[in-house]
Amino acid sequence: KCNCRSYSARRSHRDRRGTLTTLSHMRLLVGRIGRAHGILGEATIEVRTDDPDIRFAIGATVNTDKHGDLTIVSGRVHNGILLLGFKGITTRNQIEELRNEMLYSDVDINESTGDDDEYHVLQLIGCMTFLESGQEYGEVSDVINLPGQDLLAIKTQEGESLIPFVHQLVPEVDIKNKRIVVIPPTITGEMK
């Protein structure tokens, strides 16, 4: 198990690029192979997932577009950078051939994380939003990842509304019923 740091906070969705393979499974972008490290076939990994300990565990398989499946045989952190070794890749030249290759993982987006405040972006898109009064507000069309916090993009009758995905403005998320309660800020910064 590697001690890789997570690159995003709660309620964040950095894994969002991918393709839906079934209603609950998705091929998600989880990393990119960087330059070779040493002469034994290890590579630096640009982590693009909130769950590097799971996605890059020894024995896990990641997919690539050009080189098929790669099985992880070693993983460690060196100076804050994740280094991985893959089955059948034992030389610097072999790993250099994989440089800049994107790494994907098949993920069950409905799998419980054990944290009620963690959601996958695909679970949020399509949810209906309601004001605290119960009045329908709109439908979540996207989740925009920003460094400070994520934004819910909501299609309303007036157009698109962007609401920071923080507990103060999104007090209730019910994934099972596809229902989210929002408190949209006004232009003056006051709450409606």
C-alpha atoms as a PDB file:
ATOM      1  CA  LYS A   1       0.000   0.000   0.000  1.00  0.00           C
ATOM      2  CA  CYS A   2       1.516   3.314  -0.990  1.00  0.00           C
ATOM      3  CA  ASN A   3       1.260   6.422   1.124  1.00  0.00           C
ATOM      4  CA  CYS A   4       0.273   8.624  -1.808  1.00  0.00           C
ATOM      5  CA  ARG A   5      -1.410  11.858  -0.997  1.00  0.00           C
ATOM      6  CA  SER A   6      -4.877  12.581  -2.255  1.00  0.00           C
ATOM      7  CA  TYR A   7      -4.948  15.475  -4.695  1.00  0.00           C
ATOM      8  CA  SER A   8      -8.436  16.712  -3.941  1.00  0.00           C
ATOM      9  CA  ALA A   9     -10.678  17.324  -0.991  1.00  0.00           C
ATOM     10  CA  ARG A  10     -13.965  15.822   0.123  1.00  0.00           C
ATOM     11  CA  ARG A  11     -16.808  16.034  -2.353  1.00  0.00           C
ATOM     12  CA  SER A  12     -14.265  16.293  -5.147  1.00  0.00           C
ATOM     13  CA  HIS A  13     -14.354  14.394  -8.396  1.00  0.00           C
ATOM     14  CA  ARG A  14     -10.923  14.324 -10.019  1.00  0.00           C
ATOM     15  CA  ASP A  15     -11.622  10.870 -11.526  1.00  0.00           C
ATOM     16  CA  ARG A  16     -14.294  12.248 -13.777  1.00  0.00           C
ATOM     17  CA  ARG A  17     -12.796  11.628 -17.224  1.00  0.00           C
ATOM     18  CA  GLY A  18     -13.718   8.240 -18.527  1.00  0.00           C
ATOM     19  CA  THR A  19     -16.278   6.162 -20.352  1.00  0.00           C
ATOM     20  CA  LEU A  20     -19.324   4.432 -18.974  1.00  0.00           C
ATOM     21  CA  THR A  21     -19.064   0.673 -19.413  1.00  0.00           C
ATOM     22  CA  THR A  22     -22.293  -0.323 -17.615  1.00  0.00           C
ATOM     23  CA  LEU A  23     -24.804   1.547 -15.503  1.00  0.00           C
ATOM     24  CA  SER A  24     -22.521   1.403 -12.479  1.00  0.00           C
ATOM     25  CA  HIS A  25     -19.050   0.663 -13.864  1.00  0.00           C
ATOM     26  CA  MET A  26     -16.891   3.236 -15.541  1.00  0.00           C
ATOM     27  CA  ARG A  27     -13.404   3.331 -17.035  1.00  0.00           C
ATOM     28  CA  LEU A  28     -11.829   6.253 -15.196  1.00  0.00           C
ATOM     29  CA  LEU A  29      -8.616   8.136 -15.821  1.00  0.00           C
ATOM     30  CA  VAL A  30      -6.501   7.559 -12.691  1.00  0.00           C
ATOM     31  CA  GLY A  31      -3.000   8.602 -13.723  1.00  0.00           C
ATOM     32  CA  ARG A  32      -0.327   9.182 -16.331  1.00  0.00           C
ATOM     33  CA  ILE A  33       3.024   7.457 -16.676  1.00  0.00           C
ATOM     34  CA  GLY A  34       5.853   9.975 -16.422  1.00  0.00           C
ATOM     35  CA  ARG A  35       9.561   9.537 -16.905  1.00  0.00           C
ATOM     36  CA  ALA A  36      11.555   6.472 -16.001  1.00  0.00           C
ATOM     37  CA  HIS A  37      13.110   6.255 -12.541  1.00  0.00           C
ATOM     38  CA  GLY A  38      16.271   4.196 -12.272  1.00  0.00           C
ATOM     39  CA  ILE A  39      17.230   1.276 -14.479  1.00  0.00           C
ATOM     40  CA  LEU A  40      14.805  -1.395 -13.234  1.00  0.00           C
ATOM     41  CA  GLY A  41      11.655  -0.346 -15.092  1.00  0.00           C
ATOM     42  CA  GLU A  42      10.009   1.927 -12.519  1.00  0.00           C
ATOM     43  CA  ALA A  43       8.215   5.090 -13.626  1.00  0.00           C
ATOM     44  CA  THR A  44       6.974   8.255 -11.991  1.00  0.00           C
ATOM     45  CA  ILE A  45       3.193   8.484 -11.936  1.00  0.00           C
ATOM     46  CA  GLU A  46       1.116  11.631 -12.191  1.00  0.00           C
ATOM     47  CA  VAL A  47      -1.765  10.702  -9.886  1.00  0.00           C
ATOM     48  CA  ARG A  48      -5.248  11.744 -11.048  1.00  0.00           C
ATOM     49  CA  THR A  49      -7.411   9.939  -8.512  1.00  0.00           C
ATOM     50  CA  ASP A  50      -8.658  10.479  -4.983  1.00  0.00           C
ATOM     51  CA  ASP A  51      -7.945   6.812  -4.152  1.00  0.00           C
ATOM     52  CA  PRO A  52      -4.331   6.110  -5.120  1.00  0.00           C
ATOM     53  CA  ASP A  53      -3.963   3.452  -2.399  1.00  0.00           C
ATOM     54  CA  ILE A  54      -6.736   1.428  -4.041  1.00  0.00           C
ATOM     55  CA  ARG A  55      -6.120   2.213  -7.729  1.00  0.00           C
ATOM     56  CA  PHE A  56      -2.330   1.635  -7.541  1.00  0.00           C
ATOM     57  CA  ALA A  57      -2.178  -1.244  -5.030  1.00  0.00           C
ATOM     58  CA  ILE A  58       0.228  -4.102  -5.691  1.00  0.00           C
ATOM     59  CA  GLY A  59      -1.589  -6.620  -7.893  1.00  0.00           C
ATOM     60  CA  ALA A  60      -4.051  -4.040  -9.266  1.00  0.00           C
ATOM     61  CA  THR A  61      -4.468  -3.820 -13.021  1.00  0.00           C
ATOM     62  CA  VAL A  62      -4.644  -0.540 -14.905  1.00  0.00           C
ATOM     63  CA  ASN A  63      -5.556  -0.166 -18.562  1.00  0.00           C
ATOM     64  CA  THR A  64      -3.829   1.835 -21.265  1.00  0.00           C
ATOM     65  CA  ASP A  65      -5.004   2.727 -24.744  1.00  0.00           C
ATOM     66  CA  LYS A  66      -1.890   1.589 -26.650  1.00  0.00           C
ATOM     67  CA  HIS A  67      -0.318  -1.094 -24.434  1.00  0.00           C
ATOM     68  CA  GLY A  68      -3.321  -2.914 -22.941  1.00  0.00           C
ATOM     69  CA  ASP A  69      -3.476  -3.964 -19.299  1.00  0.00           C
ATOM     70  CA  LEU A  70      -0.590  -3.407 -16.898  1.00  0.00           C
ATOM     71  CA  THR A  71      -0.357  -5.216 -13.567  1.00  0.00           C
ATOM     72  CA  ILE A  72       1.313  -3.294 -10.757  1.00  0.00           C
ATOM     73  CA  VAL A  73       4.108  -5.269  -9.072  1.00  0.00           C
ATOM     74  CA  SER A  74       5.719  -2.526  -6.983  1.00  0.00           C
ATOM     75  CA  GLY A  75       4.771   0.852  -5.619  1.00  0.00           C
ATOM     76  CA  ARG A  76       6.481   3.388  -3.411  1.00  0.00           C
ATOM     77  CA  VAL A  77       6.688   7.088  -2.797  1.00  0.00           C
ATOM     78  CA  HIS A  78      10.021   8.804  -3.379  1.00  0.00           C
ATOM     79  CA  ASN A  79      10.316  12.514  -2.503  1.00  0.00           C
ATOM     80  CA  GLY A  80       6.529  12.844  -2.672  1.00  0.00           C
ATOM     81  CA  ILE A  81       6.261  11.227  -6.119  1.00  0.00           C
ATOM     82  CA  LEU A  82       4.584   7.880  -6.709  1.00  0.00           C
ATOM     83  CA  LEU A  83       6.822   5.302  -8.410  1.00  0.00           C
ATOM     84  CA  LEU A  84       5.305   2.134  -9.896  1.00  0.00           C
ATOM     85  CA  GLY A  85       6.724  -1.009 -11.425  1.00  0.00           C
ATOM     86  CA  PHE A  86       4.696  -3.162 -13.807  1.00  0.00           C
ATOM     87  CA  LYS A  87       4.732  -6.893 -14.555  1.00  0.00           C
ATOM     88  CA  GLY A  88       6.993  -7.721 -17.503  1.00  0.00           C
ATOM     89  CA  ILE A  89       8.655  -4.297 -17.574  1.00  0.00           C
ATOM     90  CA  THR A  90      12.137  -4.623 -16.138  1.00  0.00           C
ATOM     91  CA  THR A  91      14.298  -2.104 -17.964  1.00  0.00           C
ATOM     92  CA  ARG A  92      14.478   1.649 -18.332  1.00  0.00           C
ATOM     93  CA  ASN A  93      14.003   1.362 -22.119  1.00  0.00           C
ATOM     94  CA  GLN A  94      10.795  -0.653 -21.709  1.00  0.00           C
ATOM     95  CA  ILE A  95       9.228   1.867 -19.319  1.00  0.00           C
ATOM     96  CA  GLU A  96      10.307   4.805 -21.508  1.00  0.00           C
ATOM     97  CA  GLU A  97       8.134   3.342 -24.287  1.00  0.00           C
ATOM     98  CA  LEU A  98       5.136   3.875 -21.979  1.00  0.00           C
ATOM     99  CA  ARG A  99       5.954   7.493 -21.125  1.00  0.00           C
ATOM    100  CA  ASN A 100       2.892   9.808 -21.195  1.00  0.00           C
ATOM    101  CA  GLU A 101       0.554   6.812 -21.446  1.00  0.00           C
ATOM    102  CA  MET A 102      -2.731   7.465 -19.608  1.00  0.00           C
ATOM    103  CA  LEU A 103      -3.730   4.920 -16.958  1.00  0.00           C
ATOM    104  CA  TYR A 104      -7.370   3.893 -16.526  1.00  0.00           C
ATOM    105  CA  SER A 105      -9.181   1.783 -13.966  1.00  0.00           C
ATOM    106  CA  ASP A 106     -12.623   0.172 -14.070  1.00  0.00           C
ATOM    107  CA  VAL A 107     -14.528   1.560 -11.095  1.00  0.00           C
ATOM    108  CA  ASP A 108     -17.961   0.854  -9.644  1.00  0.00           C
ATOM    109  CA  ILE A 109     -19.236   4.405  -9.115  1.00  0.00           C
ATOM    110  CA  ASN A 110     -22.014   3.153  -6.827  1.00  0.00           C
ATOM    111  CA  GLU A 111     -19.560   1.435  -4.474  1.00  0.00           C
ATOM    112  CA  SER A 112     -19.839   2.891  -1.000  1.00  0.00           C
ATOM    113  CA  THR A 113     -16.751   4.704   0.274  1.00  0.00           C
ATOM    114  CA  GLY A 114     -17.971   4.698   3.861  1.00  0.00           C
ATOM    115  CA  ASP A 115     -18.073   8.507   3.821  1.00  0.00           C
ATOM    116  CA  ASP A 116     -21.471  10.130   3.355  1.00  0.00           C
ATOM    117  CA  ASP A 117     -19.844  13.290   1.927  1.00  0.00           C
ATOM    118  CA  GLU A 118     -18.071  11.590  -0.993  1.00  0.00           C
ATOM    119  CA  TYR A 119     -19.793  11.305  -4.339  1.00  0.00           C
ATOM    120  CA  HIS A 120     -18.738  10.516  -7.839  1.00  0.00           C
ATOM    121  CA  VAL A 121     -19.502  13.200 -10.412  1.00  0.00           C
ATOM    122  CA  LEU A 122     -21.697  10.805 -12.412  1.00  0.00           C
ATOM    123  CA  GLN A 123     -23.857  10.272  -9.348  1.00  0.00           C
ATOM    124  CA  LEU A 124     -24.506  14.030  -9.156  1.00  0.00           C
ATOM    125  CA  ILE A 125     -25.131  14.759 -12.839  1.00  0.00           C
ATOM    126  CA  GLY A 126     -28.831  14.419 -13.568  1.00  0.00           C
ATOM    127  CA  CYS A 127     -29.913  14.997  -9.966  1.00  0.00           C
ATOM    128  CA  MET A 128     -32.768  17.443  -9.495  1.00  0.00           C
ATOM    129  CA  THR A 129     -32.063  20.375  -7.195  1.00  0.00           C
ATOM    130  CA  PHE A 130     -34.567  21.966  -4.865  1.00  0.00           C
ATOM    131  CA  LEU A 131     -34.586  25.075  -2.720  1.00  0.00           C
ATOM    132  CA  GLU A 132     -35.005  24.655   1.040  1.00  0.00           C
ATOM    133  CA  SER A 133     -38.689  25.567   0.578  1.00  0.00           C
ATOM    134  CA  GLY A 134     -39.109  22.459  -1.600  1.00  0.00           C
ATOM    135  CA  GLN A 135     -39.450  24.418  -4.847  1.00  0.00           C
ATOM    136  CA  GLU A 136     -37.731  22.786  -7.811  1.00  0.00           C
ATOM    137  CA  TYR A 137     -34.628  24.751  -8.856  1.00  0.00           C
ATOM    138  CA  GLY A 138     -33.080  22.809 -11.769  1.00  0.00           C
ATOM    139  CA  GLU A 139     -31.039  19.813 -12.903  1.00  0.00           C
ATOM    140  CA  VAL A 140     -27.318  19.281 -12.292  1.00  0.00           C
ATOM    141  CA  SER A 141     -25.682  19.280 -15.729  1.00  0.00           C
ATOM    142  CA  ASP A 142     -22.017  19.216 -14.703  1.00  0.00           C
ATOM    143  CA  VAL A 143     -19.592  19.418 -11.813  1.00  0.00           C
ATOM    144  CA  ILE A 144     -16.737  21.842 -12.433  1.00  0.00           C
ATOM    145  CA  ASN A 145     -13.478  21.114 -10.604  1.00  0.00           C
ATOM    146  CA  LEU A 146     -11.674  24.179  -9.298  1.00  0.00           C
ATOM    147  CA  PRO A 147      -8.691  24.379  -6.929  1.00  0.00           C
ATOM    148  CA  GLY A 148     -10.705  25.859  -4.034  1.00  0.00           C
ATOM    149  CA  GLN A 149     -13.908  23.849  -4.392  1.00  0.00           C
ATOM    150  CA  ASP A 150     -16.101  22.223  -6.977  1.00  0.00           C
ATOM    151  CA  LEU A 151     -19.075  23.990  -8.560  1.00  0.00           C
ATOM    152  CA  LEU A 152     -22.427  22.436  -9.414  1.00  0.00           C
ATOM    153  CA  ALA A 153     -23.595  23.604 -12.846  1.00  0.00           C
ATOM    154  CA  ILE A 154     -27.381  23.612 -12.693  1.00  0.00           C
ATOM    155  CA  LYS A 155     -29.726  24.103 -15.668  1.00  0.00           C
ATOM    156  CA  THR A 156     -32.537  26.357 -14.460  1.00  0.00           C
ATOM    157  CA  GLN A 157     -35.405  28.070 -16.276  1.00  0.00           C
ATOM    158  CA  GLU A 158     -33.333  31.287 -16.237  1.00  0.00           C
ATOM    159  CA  GLY A 159     -30.223  29.615 -17.666  1.00  0.00           C
ATOM    160  CA  GLU A 160     -27.186  28.039 -16.020  1.00  0.00           C
ATOM    161  CA  SER A 161     -26.477  28.609 -12.345  1.00  0.00           C
ATOM    162  CA  LEU A 162     -23.137  27.796 -10.692  1.00  0.00           C
ATOM    163  CA  ILE A 163     -23.260  26.923  -7.002  1.00  0.00           C
ATOM    164  CA  PRO A 164     -20.150  26.128  -4.928  1.00  0.00           C
ATOM    165  CA  PHE A 165     -20.379  22.510  -3.750  1.00  0.00           C
ATOM    166  CA  VAL A 166     -19.921  23.286  -0.062  1.00  0.00           C
ATOM    167  CA  HIS A 167     -22.120  22.212   2.837  1.00  0.00           C
ATOM    168  CA  GLN A 168     -23.330  25.764   3.540  1.00  0.00           C
ATOM    169  CA  LEU A 169     -24.840  26.058   0.037  1.00  0.00           C
ATOM    170  CA  VAL A 170     -25.579  22.374  -0.602  1.00  0.00           C
ATOM    171  CA  PRO A 171     -26.857  21.132   2.760  1.00  0.00           C
ATOM    172  CA  GLU A 172     -28.471  17.918   1.536  1.00  0.00           C
ATOM    173  CA  VAL A 173     -27.468  15.356  -1.088  1.00  0.00           C
ATOM    174  CA  ASP A 174     -29.664  12.283  -1.545  1.00  0.00           C
ATOM    175  CA  ILE A 175     -27.997  10.206  -4.273  1.00  0.00           C
ATOM    176  CA  LYS A 176     -30.465   7.336  -3.951  1.00  0.00           C
ATOM    177  CA  ASN A 177     -33.423   9.604  -4.789  1.00  0.00           C
ATOM    178  CA  LYS A 178     -31.382  11.867  -7.161  1.00  0.00           C
ATOM    179  CA  ARG A 179     -32.314  14.906  -5.028  1.00  0.00           C
ATOM    180  CA  ILE A 180     -30.085  17.783  -3.900  1.00  0.00           C
ATOM    181  CA  VAL A 181     -31.089  20.768  -1.749  1.00  0.00           C
ATOM    182  CA  VAL A 182     -29.291  24.006  -2.691  1.00  0.00           C
ATOM    183  CA  ILE A 183     -29.143  27.549  -1.352  1.00  0.00           C
ATOM    184  CA  PRO A 184     -28.187  29.648  -4.385  1.00  0.00           C
ATOM    185  CA  PRO A 185     -26.231  32.818  -3.585  1.00  0.00           C
ATOM    186  CA  THR A 186     -27.496  36.054  -5.106  1.00  0.00           C
ATOM    187  CA  ILE A 187     -25.316  38.433  -7.110  1.00  0.00           C
ATOM    188  CA  THR A 188     -24.882  40.641  -4.032  1.00  0.00           C
ATOM    189  CA  GLY A 189     -23.531  37.660  -2.107  1.00  0.00           C
ATOM    190  CA  GLU A 190     -26.609  37.332   0.129  1.00  0.00           C
ATOM    191  CA  MET A 191     -28.466  34.054   0.329  1.00  0.00           C
ATOM    192  CA  LYS A 192     -31.904  33.790  -1.306  1.00  0.00           C
END
